[in-house]
Amino acid sequence: MLKWAFIFFVISLVTGLLGFSGISSATAGIAKILFYIAVLIFLVFLILALMVGGAVT
């Protein structure tokens, strides 16, 4: 997920440099959404790992 966010970020930078502001804005928005989803999934798995790790010991 984070890999796709980085890919969309790079596409956004390239299209912004070439002057395609509409495409740049859209891909930046997609990159932001994917980044937040990746962070959310990371936090959910971190909390689950802490809960399970405490139950095992």
C-alpha atoms as a PDB file:
ATOM      1  CA  MET A   1       0.000   0.000   0.000  1.00  0.00           C
ATOM      2  CA  LEU A   2       2.793   2.375   0.903  1.00  0.00           C
ATOM      3  CA  LYS A   3       4.556   1.470  -2.329  1.00  0.00           C
ATOM      4  CA  TRP A   4       1.520   2.577  -4.343  1.00  0.00           C
ATOM      5  CA  ALA A   5       1.319   5.818  -2.366  1.00  0.00           C
ATOM      6  CA  PHE A   6       4.950   6.530  -3.242  1.00  0.00           C
ATOM      7  CA  ILE A   7       4.320   5.723  -6.920  1.00  0.00           C
ATOM      8  CA  PHE A   8       1.369   8.113  -7.067  1.00  0.00           C
ATOM      9  CA  PHE A   9       3.446  10.759  -5.274  1.00  0.00           C
ATOM     10  CA  VAL A  10       6.194  10.478  -7.892  1.00  0.00           C
ATOM     11  CA  ILE A  11       3.617  10.654 -10.693  1.00  0.00           C
ATOM     12  CA  SER A  12       2.200  13.767  -9.059  1.00  0.00           C
ATOM     13  CA  LEU A  13       5.616  15.410  -8.915  1.00  0.00           C
ATOM     14  CA  VAL A  14       6.404  14.606 -12.548  1.00  0.00           C
ATOM     15  CA  THR A  15       3.041  15.811 -13.835  1.00  0.00           C
ATOM     16  CA  GLY A  16       3.348  18.953 -11.727  1.00  0.00           C
ATOM     17  CA  LEU A  17       6.733  19.711 -13.241  1.00  0.00           C
ATOM     18  CA  LEU A  18       5.318  19.201 -16.721  1.00  0.00           C
ATOM     19  CA  GLY A  19       2.426  21.572 -16.030  1.00  0.00           C
ATOM     20  CA  PHE A  20      -0.480  19.146 -15.802  1.00  0.00           C
ATOM     21  CA  SER A  21      -1.943  20.610 -12.618  1.00  0.00           C
ATOM     22  CA  GLY A  22      -5.238  18.689 -12.746  1.00  0.00           C
ATOM     23  CA  ILE A  23      -3.597  15.297 -13.004  1.00  0.00           C
ATOM     24  CA  SER A  24      -1.018  16.314 -10.422  1.00  0.00           C
ATOM     25  CA  SER A  25      -3.714  17.298  -7.945  1.00  0.00           C
ATOM     26  CA  ALA A  26      -5.653  14.071  -8.494  1.00  0.00           C
ATOM     27  CA  THR A  27      -2.640  11.812  -8.057  1.00  0.00           C
ATOM     28  CA  ALA A  28      -1.548  13.754  -4.961  1.00  0.00           C
ATOM     29  CA  GLY A  29      -4.987  13.171  -3.477  1.00  0.00           C
ATOM     30  CA  ILE A  30      -4.812   9.464  -4.239  1.00  0.00           C
ATOM     31  CA  ALA A  31      -1.324   9.277  -2.710  1.00  0.00           C
ATOM     32  CA  LYS A  32      -2.578  10.994   0.452  1.00  0.00           C
ATOM     33  CA  ILE A  33      -5.508   8.619   0.807  1.00  0.00           C
ATOM     34  CA  LEU A  34      -3.316   5.539   0.279  1.00  0.00           C
ATOM     35  CA  PHE A  35      -0.772   6.838   2.796  1.00  0.00           C
ATOM     36  CA  TYR A  36      -3.436   7.359   5.473  1.00  0.00           C
ATOM     37  CA  ILE A  37      -4.883   3.899   4.822  1.00  0.00           C
ATOM     38  CA  ALA A  38      -1.399   2.371   5.174  1.00  0.00           C
ATOM     39  CA  VAL A  39      -0.832   4.209   8.473  1.00  0.00           C
ATOM     40  CA  LEU A  40      -4.240   3.099   9.739  1.00  0.00           C
ATOM     41  CA  ILE A  41      -3.554  -0.548   8.856  1.00  0.00           C
ATOM     42  CA  PHE A  42      -0.143  -0.298  10.547  1.00  0.00           C
ATOM     43  CA  LEU A  43      -1.707   1.054  13.742  1.00  0.00           C
ATOM     44  CA  VAL A  44      -4.395  -1.650  13.792  1.00  0.00           C
ATOM     45  CA  PHE A  45      -1.789  -4.386  13.416  1.00  0.00           C
ATOM     46  CA  LEU A  46       0.415  -2.750  16.053  1.00  0.00           C
ATOM     47  CA  ILE A  47      -2.421  -2.664  18.561  1.00  0.00           C
ATOM     48  CA  LEU A  48      -3.368  -6.266  17.769  1.00  0.00           C
ATOM     49  CA  ALA A  49       0.237  -7.400  18.180  1.00  0.00           C
ATOM     50  CA  LEU A  50       0.517  -5.663  21.546  1.00  0.00           C
ATOM     51  CA  MET A  51      -2.721  -7.250  22.741  1.00  0.00           C
ATOM     52  CA  VAL A  52      -1.753 -10.749  21.608  1.00  0.00           C
ATOM     53  CA  GLY A  53       1.812 -10.371  22.861  1.00  0.00           C
ATOM     54  CA  GLY A  54       0.548  -9.489  26.320  1.00  0.00           C
ATOM     55  CA  ALA A  55      -1.783 -12.489  26.404  1.00  0.00           C
ATOM     56  CA  VAL A  56       0.952 -14.996  25.538  1.00  0.00           C
ATOM     57  CA  THR A  57       3.305 -14.081  28.384  1.00  0.00           C
END
